[in-house]
Amino acid sequence: MNIRRLLFDVDKALARPSLLDIAEAVSRCGGVQAFNIAVGDVDIETLDMNVTVEGDNLNHDEIVKAIEHTGAVVHGLEQISAGDRIIEPVRRSR
């Protein structure tokens, strides 16, 4: 299966690792062509982030190991896109 986009829910301590540490770790993973790290909630001791990774034939386990090797924690996989192209999510109206 050609995984093209992964969106992870990631937490890290405020002080360490830095966002640059996480960025460097993700950039070294196979198939990664682009990624985005967006800070969400900031707590007294932690920072909540969404890490979106795009590329060809992404390896979920390799990316999780790289992020966690920095000292951050992956809490879950929020989105996966696979196939020949990426389909953007469509918002449903209620």
N, C-alpha and C. Protein backbone atom coordinates (compact mmCIF):
# COMPACT_ATOMS: atom_id res chain seq x y z
N MET A 1 0.85 -1.18 0.00
CA MET A 1 0.00 0.00 0.00
C MET A 1 0.89 1.24 0.00
N ASN A 2 0.61 2.17 -0.89
CA ASN A 2 1.37 3.41 -0.99
C ASN A 2 0.76 4.46 -0.06
N ILE A 3 1.33 4.58 1.14
CA ILE A 3 0.87 5.60 2.10
C ILE A 3 1.48 6.93 1.70
N ARG A 4 0.61 7.92 1.50
CA ARG A 4 1.04 9.23 1.00
C ARG A 4 0.95 10.35 2.04
N ARG A 5 0.06 10.19 3.05
CA ARG A 5 -0.04 11.21 4.10
C ARG A 5 -0.39 10.54 5.42
N LEU A 6 0.29 10.98 6.48
CA LEU A 6 0.00 10.54 7.84
C LEU A 6 -0.13 11.78 8.72
N LEU A 7 -1.13 11.80 9.58
CA LEU A 7 -1.32 12.89 10.54
C LEU A 7 -1.28 12.29 11.93
N PHE A 8 -0.27 12.70 12.70
CA PHE A 8 -0.05 12.17 14.04
C PHE A 8 -0.41 13.21 15.10
N ASP A 9 -0.95 12.73 16.23
CA ASP A 9 -1.15 13.53 17.43
C ASP A 9 0.07 13.27 18.30
N VAL A 10 0.86 14.32 18.56
CA VAL A 10 2.14 14.17 19.26
C VAL A 10 2.21 15.14 20.43
N ASP A 11 2.74 14.68 21.56
CA ASP A 11 3.01 15.55 22.71
C ASP A 11 4.51 15.55 23.00
N LYS A 12 4.97 16.69 23.52
CA LYS A 12 6.37 16.79 23.95
C LYS A 12 6.44 17.68 25.17
N ALA A 13 7.51 17.53 25.93
CA ALA A 13 7.75 18.43 27.07
C ALA A 13 8.07 19.81 26.52
N LEU A 14 7.80 20.85 27.29
CA LEU A 14 8.06 22.21 26.81
C LEU A 14 9.52 22.44 26.45
N ALA A 15 10.42 21.95 27.28
CA ALA A 15 11.83 22.24 27.08
C ALA A 15 12.48 21.37 26.00
N ARG A 16 12.25 20.10 26.06
CA ARG A 16 12.93 19.16 25.17
C ARG A 16 12.00 18.08 24.71
N PRO A 17 12.07 17.59 23.52
CA PRO A 17 12.93 18.00 22.43
C PRO A 17 12.41 19.30 21.79
N SER A 18 13.24 19.95 21.02
CA SER A 18 12.80 21.14 20.32
C SER A 18 12.02 20.72 19.07
N LEU A 19 11.26 21.64 18.53
CA LEU A 19 10.56 21.36 17.27
C LEU A 19 11.55 21.03 16.16
N LEU A 20 12.71 21.66 16.19
CA LEU A 20 13.75 21.37 15.19
C LEU A 20 14.28 19.95 15.33
N ASP A 21 14.40 19.45 16.56
CA ASP A 21 14.83 18.07 16.78
C ASP A 21 13.84 17.09 16.13
N ILE A 22 12.56 17.36 16.34
CA ILE A 22 11.54 16.49 15.75
C ILE A 22 11.55 16.61 14.23
N ALA A 23 11.68 17.83 13.73
CA ALA A 23 11.73 18.05 12.28
C ALA A 23 12.90 17.30 11.64
N GLU A 24 14.06 17.36 12.25
CA GLU A 24 15.22 16.66 11.71
C GLU A 24 14.99 15.15 11.69
N ALA A 25 14.39 14.62 12.74
CA ALA A 25 14.12 13.18 12.82
C ALA A 25 13.15 12.75 11.72
N VAL A 26 12.08 13.50 11.52
CA VAL A 26 11.09 13.17 10.49
C VAL A 26 11.71 13.27 9.10
N SER A 27 12.53 14.30 8.88
CA SER A 27 13.12 14.51 7.55
C SER A 27 14.04 13.38 7.12
N ARG A 28 14.59 12.64 8.07
CA ARG A 28 15.50 11.54 7.76
C ARG A 28 14.78 10.24 7.42
N CYS A 29 13.47 10.19 7.57
CA CYS A 29 12.71 8.97 7.29
C CYS A 29 12.51 8.78 5.79
N GLY A 30 12.53 7.53 5.37
CA GLY A 30 12.37 7.21 3.96
C GLY A 30 11.03 7.64 3.39
N GLY A 31 11.05 8.16 2.18
CA GLY A 31 9.84 8.54 1.47
C GLY A 31 9.27 9.89 1.81
N VAL A 32 9.79 10.55 2.85
CA VAL A 32 9.24 11.84 3.28
C VAL A 32 9.64 12.92 2.27
N GLN A 33 8.62 13.59 1.72
CA GLN A 33 8.85 14.68 0.79
C GLN A 33 8.56 16.03 1.42
N ALA A 34 7.62 16.05 2.36
CA ALA A 34 7.26 17.30 3.04
C ALA A 34 6.56 16.95 4.34
N PHE A 35 6.62 17.89 5.29
CA PHE A 35 5.91 17.68 6.56
C PHE A 35 5.62 19.02 7.19
N ASN A 36 4.68 18.98 8.14
CA ASN A 36 4.28 20.18 8.85
C ASN A 36 4.12 19.82 10.32
N ILE A 37 4.64 20.66 11.19
CA ILE A 37 4.46 20.50 12.63
C ILE A 37 3.69 21.72 13.11
N ALA A 38 2.47 21.50 13.60
CA ALA A 38 1.63 22.60 14.06
C ALA A 38 1.35 22.45 15.54
N VAL A 39 1.70 23.47 16.30
CA VAL A 39 1.49 23.46 17.75
C VAL A 39 0.02 23.74 18.03
N GLY A 40 -0.57 22.92 18.89
CA GLY A 40 -1.96 23.10 19.30
C GLY A 40 -2.01 23.67 20.69
N ASP A 41 -2.38 22.86 21.65
CA ASP A 41 -2.51 23.29 23.04
C ASP A 41 -1.16 23.33 23.74
N VAL A 42 -1.00 24.32 24.61
CA VAL A 42 0.19 24.42 25.45
C VAL A 42 -0.27 24.30 26.89
N ASP A 43 0.32 23.34 27.60
CA ASP A 43 -0.01 23.08 29.00
C ASP A 43 1.16 23.61 29.84
N ILE A 44 1.08 23.44 31.13
CA ILE A 44 2.16 23.88 32.01
C ILE A 44 3.46 23.14 31.69
N GLU A 45 3.36 21.86 31.37
CA GLU A 45 4.56 21.06 31.13
C GLU A 45 4.66 20.48 29.73
N THR A 46 3.57 20.51 28.95
CA THR A 46 3.59 19.83 27.65
C THR A 46 3.07 20.71 26.52
N LEU A 47 3.42 20.30 25.33
CA LEU A 47 3.00 20.95 24.10
C LEU A 47 2.33 19.89 23.23
N ASP A 48 1.12 20.15 22.78
CA ASP A 48 0.39 19.22 21.91
C ASP A 48 0.58 19.68 20.46
N MET A 49 0.89 18.73 19.58
CA MET A 49 1.17 19.08 18.19
C MET A 49 0.48 18.12 17.24
N ASN A 50 0.20 18.61 16.03
CA ASN A 50 -0.19 17.77 14.92
C ASN A 50 1.00 17.72 13.98
N VAL A 51 1.45 16.52 13.64
CA VAL A 51 2.56 16.35 12.72
C VAL A 51 2.00 15.68 11.47
N THR A 52 2.00 16.41 10.35
CA THR A 52 1.51 15.90 9.08
C THR A 52 2.71 15.60 8.20
N VAL A 53 2.76 14.37 7.67
CA VAL A 53 3.89 13.94 6.84
C VAL A 53 3.33 13.49 5.50
N GLU A 54 3.94 13.97 4.40
CA GLU A 54 3.53 13.56 3.07
C GLU A 54 4.72 13.03 2.30
N GLY A 55 4.45 12.09 1.39
CA GLY A 55 5.50 11.53 0.55
C GLY A 55 4.99 10.31 -0.18
N ASP A 56 5.90 9.44 -0.57
CA ASP A 56 5.57 8.20 -1.27
C ASP A 56 6.02 7.01 -0.44
N ASN A 57 5.14 6.03 -0.30
CA ASN A 57 5.45 4.81 0.44
C ASN A 57 6.00 5.09 1.84
N LEU A 58 5.28 5.96 2.56
CA LEU A 58 5.70 6.30 3.93
C LEU A 58 5.61 5.07 4.82
N ASN A 59 6.57 4.97 5.73
CA ASN A 59 6.61 3.86 6.67
C ASN A 59 6.17 4.37 8.04
N HIS A 60 4.93 4.06 8.42
CA HIS A 60 4.36 4.51 9.69
C HIS A 60 5.27 4.22 10.87
N ASP A 61 5.72 2.97 10.98
CA ASP A 61 6.53 2.57 12.13
C ASP A 61 7.85 3.32 12.19
N GLU A 62 8.48 3.53 11.06
CA GLU A 62 9.75 4.26 11.02
C GLU A 62 9.57 5.70 11.50
N ILE A 63 8.49 6.34 11.07
CA ILE A 63 8.24 7.73 11.46
C ILE A 63 7.94 7.82 12.95
N VAL A 64 7.11 6.91 13.47
CA VAL A 64 6.80 6.90 14.90
C VAL A 64 8.08 6.71 15.72
N LYS A 65 8.91 5.75 15.33
CA LYS A 65 10.17 5.51 16.05
C LYS A 65 11.07 6.75 16.02
N ALA A 66 11.13 7.42 14.87
CA ALA A 66 11.97 8.62 14.76
C ALA A 66 11.48 9.72 15.69
N ILE A 67 10.16 9.95 15.71
CA ILE A 67 9.60 10.98 16.59
C ILE A 67 9.85 10.63 18.05
N GLU A 68 9.57 9.38 18.42
CA GLU A 68 9.71 8.99 19.82
C GLU A 68 11.17 8.91 20.26
N HIS A 69 12.08 8.69 19.32
CA HIS A 69 13.51 8.68 19.64
C HIS A 69 13.99 10.06 20.12
N THR A 70 13.28 11.12 19.71
CA THR A 70 13.64 12.47 20.15
C THR A 70 13.20 12.74 21.58
N GLY A 71 12.26 11.91 22.09
CA GLY A 71 11.72 12.13 23.43
C GLY A 71 10.26 12.56 23.42
N ALA A 72 9.72 12.81 22.22
CA ALA A 72 8.30 13.14 22.11
C ALA A 72 7.48 11.84 22.15
N VAL A 73 6.17 11.97 22.29
CA VAL A 73 5.30 10.80 22.39
C VAL A 73 4.20 10.90 21.32
N VAL A 74 4.07 9.86 20.51
CA VAL A 74 2.99 9.79 19.53
C VAL A 74 1.78 9.17 20.22
N HIS A 75 0.69 9.95 20.31
CA HIS A 75 -0.52 9.47 20.97
C HIS A 75 -1.48 8.76 20.02
N GLY A 76 -1.37 9.06 18.75
CA GLY A 76 -2.27 8.39 17.83
C GLY A 76 -2.10 8.85 16.40
N LEU A 77 -2.70 8.06 15.52
CA LEU A 77 -2.74 8.37 14.10
C LEU A 77 -4.12 8.93 13.82
N GLU A 78 -4.20 10.19 13.39
CA GLU A 78 -5.47 10.87 13.20
C GLU A 78 -5.99 10.77 11.76
N GLN A 79 -5.07 10.59 10.80
CA GLN A 79 -5.48 10.53 9.40
C GLN A 79 -4.45 9.75 8.61
N ILE A 80 -4.92 9.00 7.62
CA ILE A 80 -4.04 8.30 6.69
C ILE A 80 -4.61 8.47 5.29
N SER A 81 -3.75 8.78 4.33
CA SER A 81 -4.13 8.86 2.93
C SER A 81 -3.22 7.92 2.17
N ALA A 82 -3.83 7.11 1.30
CA ALA A 82 -3.05 6.13 0.55
C ALA A 82 -3.60 6.02 -0.86
N GLY A 83 -2.77 5.50 -1.76
CA GLY A 83 -3.20 5.29 -3.14
C GLY A 83 -2.34 6.06 -4.11
N ASP A 84 -2.86 6.29 -5.29
CA ASP A 84 -2.12 6.99 -6.34
C ASP A 84 -2.10 8.50 -6.14
N ARG A 85 -3.06 9.01 -5.36
CA ARG A 85 -3.12 10.45 -5.10
C ARG A 85 -3.76 10.67 -3.73
N ILE A 86 -3.69 11.91 -3.28
CA ILE A 86 -4.29 12.26 -1.99
C ILE A 86 -5.66 12.86 -2.23
N ILE A 87 -6.65 12.38 -1.50
CA ILE A 87 -7.99 12.95 -1.54
C ILE A 87 -8.14 13.81 -0.29
N GLU A 88 -8.42 15.09 -0.48
CA GLU A 88 -8.59 15.98 0.66
C GLU A 88 -9.89 15.65 1.37
N PRO A 89 -9.91 15.76 2.71
CA PRO A 89 -11.13 15.47 3.46
C PRO A 89 -12.26 16.42 3.05
N VAL A 90 -13.47 15.90 3.01
CA VAL A 90 -14.64 16.69 2.68
C VAL A 90 -15.46 16.88 3.95
N ARG A 91 -15.74 18.13 4.29
CA ARG A 91 -16.54 18.41 5.48
C ARG A 91 -18.01 18.16 5.19
N ARG A 92 -18.63 17.43 6.11
CA ARG A 92 -20.06 17.18 6.00
C ARG A 92 -20.82 18.29 6.67
N SER A 93 -21.89 18.75 6.05
CA SER A 93 -22.75 19.73 6.71
C SER A 93 -23.89 18.98 7.36
N ARG A 94 -24.30 19.46 8.50
CA ARG A 94 -25.37 18.79 9.25
C ARG A 94 -26.50 19.75 9.46
